[in-house]
Amino acid sequence: MPATRETKQDATNRSWRTIAQGAVSVVLVAAATVVVDTVTPGELVDWPAAATAIGTAVVTALAAYIQRRLEGASKDASIQ
């Protein structure tokens, strides 16, 4: 069964989104590594840096959710 144009477009969108999410994950892991490397035993964690990394993860998840909802709404509208 050949893929429809919508399926190809959806696959393309998902692949780009996955690449973007992967890039964000790499940046978050790199930031976490820097934070861990700078904290030596006996020192406190740099909470502003940790909060920034956590905030970035939350905003990324929220952006992915909103993007999917918007894409789903436009697909639902085109079906009707």
N, C-alpha and C. Protein backbone atom coordinates (compact mmCIF):
# COMPACT_ATOMS: atom_id res chain seq x y z
N MET A 1 0.85 -1.18 0.00
CA MET A 1 0.00 0.00 0.00
C MET A 1 0.89 1.24 0.00
N PRO A 2 0.84 2.04 -1.06
CA PRO A 2 1.70 3.22 -1.12
C PRO A 2 1.26 4.28 -0.11
N ALA A 3 2.22 5.02 0.37
CA ALA A 3 1.95 6.07 1.35
C ALA A 3 1.22 7.24 0.67
N THR A 4 0.26 7.79 1.39
CA THR A 4 -0.44 8.95 0.86
C THR A 4 0.41 10.20 1.07
N ARG A 5 0.01 11.26 0.44
CA ARG A 5 0.74 12.52 0.59
C ARG A 5 0.69 13.00 2.03
N GLU A 6 -0.45 12.78 2.68
CA GLU A 6 -0.59 13.19 4.08
C GLU A 6 0.36 12.38 4.98
N THR A 7 0.48 11.08 4.67
CA THR A 7 1.37 10.23 5.45
C THR A 7 2.81 10.66 5.28
N LYS A 8 3.20 10.97 4.06
CA LYS A 8 4.57 11.42 3.81
C LYS A 8 4.84 12.74 4.53
N GLN A 9 3.86 13.65 4.46
CA GLN A 9 4.03 14.95 5.13
C GLN A 9 4.11 14.77 6.65
N ASP A 10 3.25 13.90 7.18
CA ASP A 10 3.28 13.64 8.62
C ASP A 10 4.61 13.03 9.03
N ALA A 11 5.11 12.11 8.23
CA ALA A 11 6.41 11.49 8.54
C ALA A 11 7.52 12.52 8.52
N THR A 12 7.47 13.42 7.55
CA THR A 12 8.47 14.48 7.47
C THR A 12 8.40 15.38 8.69
N ASN A 13 7.17 15.79 9.05
CA ASN A 13 6.99 16.65 10.23
C ASN A 13 7.50 15.97 11.49
N ARG A 14 7.17 14.70 11.65
CA ARG A 14 7.61 13.97 12.84
C ARG A 14 9.13 13.82 12.88
N SER A 15 9.73 13.60 11.72
CA SER A 15 11.19 13.45 11.71
C SER A 15 11.88 14.75 12.08
N TRP A 16 11.41 15.88 11.55
CA TRP A 16 12.01 17.16 11.91
C TRP A 16 11.79 17.46 13.39
N ARG A 17 10.60 17.14 13.88
CA ARG A 17 10.31 17.38 15.29
C ARG A 17 11.21 16.51 16.17
N THR A 18 11.43 15.28 15.75
CA THR A 18 12.31 14.39 16.51
C THR A 18 13.74 14.90 16.51
N ILE A 19 14.20 15.40 15.37
CA ILE A 19 15.55 15.98 15.30
C ILE A 19 15.66 17.16 16.26
N ALA A 20 14.64 18.02 16.26
CA ALA A 20 14.66 19.18 17.16
C ALA A 20 14.64 18.75 18.62
N GLN A 21 13.81 17.76 18.94
CA GLN A 21 13.76 17.28 20.32
C GLN A 21 15.08 16.64 20.72
N GLY A 22 15.70 15.93 19.81
CA GLY A 22 17.01 15.33 20.08
C GLY A 22 18.06 16.40 20.34
N ALA A 23 18.02 17.46 19.56
CA ALA A 23 18.98 18.55 19.75
C ALA A 23 18.79 19.20 21.12
N VAL A 24 17.54 19.40 21.49
CA VAL A 24 17.26 19.98 22.81
C VAL A 24 17.76 19.04 23.91
N SER A 25 17.54 17.75 23.73
CA SER A 25 18.02 16.80 24.73
C SER A 25 19.53 16.84 24.87
N VAL A 26 20.23 16.94 23.76
CA VAL A 26 21.69 17.02 23.79
C VAL A 26 22.14 18.26 24.56
N VAL A 27 21.48 19.37 24.30
CA VAL A 27 21.83 20.61 25.00
C VAL A 27 21.56 20.47 26.50
N LEU A 28 20.43 19.86 26.85
CA LEU A 28 20.12 19.69 28.27
C LEU A 28 21.12 18.77 28.97
N VAL A 29 21.48 17.69 28.31
CA VAL A 29 22.47 16.79 28.90
C VAL A 29 23.82 17.48 29.04
N ALA A 30 24.20 18.27 28.03
CA ALA A 30 25.47 19.00 28.11
C ALA A 30 25.43 20.01 29.27
N ALA A 31 24.31 20.69 29.42
CA ALA A 31 24.18 21.66 30.52
C ALA A 31 24.25 20.95 31.86
N ALA A 32 23.57 19.82 31.96
CA ALA A 32 23.61 19.07 33.22
C ALA A 32 25.02 18.59 33.53
N THR A 33 25.75 18.18 32.50
CA THR A 33 27.12 17.73 32.69
C THR A 33 28.00 18.87 33.19
N VAL A 34 27.81 20.04 32.64
CA VAL A 34 28.59 21.20 33.09
C VAL A 34 28.28 21.51 34.54
N VAL A 35 27.00 21.45 34.90
CA VAL A 35 26.61 21.73 36.29
C VAL A 35 27.24 20.70 37.23
N VAL A 36 27.14 19.44 36.86
CA VAL A 36 27.71 18.38 37.71
C VAL A 36 29.22 18.53 37.82
N ASP A 37 29.88 18.85 36.71
CA ASP A 37 31.34 18.99 36.73
C ASP A 37 31.80 20.18 37.57
N THR A 38 30.98 21.22 37.65
CA THR A 38 31.40 22.41 38.40
C THR A 38 31.13 22.28 39.88
N VAL A 39 30.25 21.36 40.25
CA VAL A 39 29.96 21.16 41.68
C VAL A 39 30.94 20.13 42.22
N THR A 40 31.79 20.57 43.09
CA THR A 40 32.74 19.64 43.72
C THR A 40 32.17 19.18 45.05
N PRO A 41 32.64 18.08 45.57
CA PRO A 41 32.11 17.60 46.86
C PRO A 41 32.20 18.70 47.93
N GLY A 42 31.11 18.86 48.62
CA GLY A 42 31.07 19.86 49.68
C GLY A 42 30.48 21.19 49.23
N GLU A 43 30.37 21.40 47.92
CA GLU A 43 29.77 22.64 47.42
C GLU A 43 28.29 22.44 47.18
N LEU A 44 27.59 23.53 47.17
CA LEU A 44 26.16 23.49 46.90
C LEU A 44 25.91 23.48 45.40
N VAL A 45 24.78 22.93 45.03
CA VAL A 45 24.37 22.94 43.62
C VAL A 45 23.99 24.37 43.25
N ASP A 46 24.34 24.77 42.05
CA ASP A 46 23.95 26.08 41.54
C ASP A 46 22.48 26.00 41.13
N TRP A 47 21.58 26.33 42.05
CA TRP A 47 20.16 26.16 41.81
C TRP A 47 19.63 27.00 40.65
N PRO A 48 20.12 28.22 40.42
CA PRO A 48 19.64 28.95 39.24
C PRO A 48 19.97 28.22 37.93
N ALA A 49 21.14 27.60 37.85
CA ALA A 49 21.49 26.85 36.64
C ALA A 49 20.62 25.60 36.51
N ALA A 50 20.38 24.93 37.63
CA ALA A 50 19.52 23.74 37.61
C ALA A 50 18.09 24.13 37.24
N ALA A 51 17.61 25.23 37.78
CA ALA A 51 16.25 25.69 37.47
C ALA A 51 16.13 26.05 35.99
N THR A 52 17.17 26.63 35.43
CA THR A 52 17.15 26.95 34.00
C THR A 52 17.05 25.69 33.16
N ALA A 53 17.81 24.67 33.50
CA ALA A 53 17.76 23.41 32.76
C ALA A 53 16.38 22.75 32.89
N ILE A 54 15.84 22.75 34.08
CA ILE A 54 14.52 22.17 34.31
C ILE A 54 13.45 22.98 33.55
N GLY A 55 13.56 24.28 33.62
CA GLY A 55 12.61 25.14 32.90
C GLY A 55 12.66 24.92 31.41
N THR A 56 13.87 24.71 30.88
CA THR A 56 14.01 24.44 29.46
C THR A 56 13.31 23.14 29.08
N ALA A 57 13.47 22.12 29.90
CA ALA A 57 12.80 20.84 29.63
C ALA A 57 11.29 21.00 29.67
N VAL A 58 10.78 21.73 30.63
CA VAL A 58 9.34 21.93 30.74
C VAL A 58 8.80 22.71 29.55
N VAL A 59 9.50 23.77 29.17
CA VAL A 59 9.06 24.58 28.03
C VAL A 59 9.11 23.76 26.74
N THR A 60 10.12 22.92 26.57
CA THR A 60 10.22 22.07 25.39
C THR A 60 9.04 21.10 25.32
N ALA A 61 8.71 20.49 26.44
CA ALA A 61 7.57 19.57 26.47
C ALA A 61 6.26 20.31 26.19
N LEU A 62 6.11 21.48 26.74
CA LEU A 62 4.92 22.28 26.50
C LEU A 62 4.82 22.69 25.04
N ALA A 63 5.93 23.09 24.46
CA ALA A 63 5.93 23.47 23.04
C ALA A 63 5.57 22.29 22.14
N ALA A 64 6.07 21.10 22.46
CA ALA A 64 5.73 19.91 21.68
C ALA A 64 4.24 19.60 21.80
N TYR A 65 3.69 19.75 22.99
CA TYR A 65 2.26 19.50 23.20
C TYR A 65 1.42 20.50 22.40
N ILE A 66 1.77 21.77 22.48
CA ILE A 66 1.01 22.80 21.76
C ILE A 66 1.12 22.58 20.26
N GLN A 67 2.31 22.27 19.78
CA GLN A 67 2.50 22.04 18.35
C GLN A 67 1.62 20.88 17.87
N ARG A 68 1.59 19.80 18.63
CA ARG A 68 0.78 18.64 18.24
C ARG A 68 -0.70 18.98 18.25
N ARG A 69 -1.14 19.75 19.25
CA ARG A 69 -2.55 20.14 19.31
C ARG A 69 -2.92 21.02 18.12
N LEU A 70 -2.04 21.95 17.76
CA LEU A 70 -2.31 22.82 16.62
C LEU A 70 -2.33 22.02 15.32
N GLU A 71 -1.37 21.11 15.17
CA GLU A 71 -1.33 20.29 13.96
C GLU A 71 -2.56 19.38 13.89
N GLY A 72 -2.95 18.82 15.03
CA GLY A 72 -4.12 17.96 15.06
C GLY A 72 -5.39 18.72 14.73
N ALA A 73 -5.50 19.97 15.24
CA ALA A 73 -6.67 20.78 14.97
C ALA A 73 -6.77 21.12 13.49
N SER A 74 -5.63 21.43 12.86
CA SER A 74 -5.67 21.75 11.43
C SER A 74 -6.00 20.51 10.60
N LYS A 75 -5.54 19.33 11.01
CA LYS A 75 -5.87 18.11 10.30
C LYS A 75 -7.34 17.75 10.50
N ASP A 76 -7.86 17.96 11.73
CA ASP A 76 -9.26 17.67 11.98
C ASP A 76 -10.15 18.59 11.14
N ALA A 77 -9.75 19.86 11.01
CA ALA A 77 -10.54 20.81 10.23
C ALA A 77 -10.54 20.45 8.75
N SER A 78 -9.43 19.92 8.27
CA SER A 78 -9.34 19.57 6.84
C SER A 78 -10.14 18.32 6.51
N ILE A 79 -10.39 17.48 7.51
CA ILE A 79 -11.16 16.25 7.29
C ILE A 79 -12.64 16.56 7.14
N GLN A 80 -13.13 17.54 7.88
CA GLN A 80 -14.56 17.85 7.87
C GLN A 80 -14.99 18.58 6.64
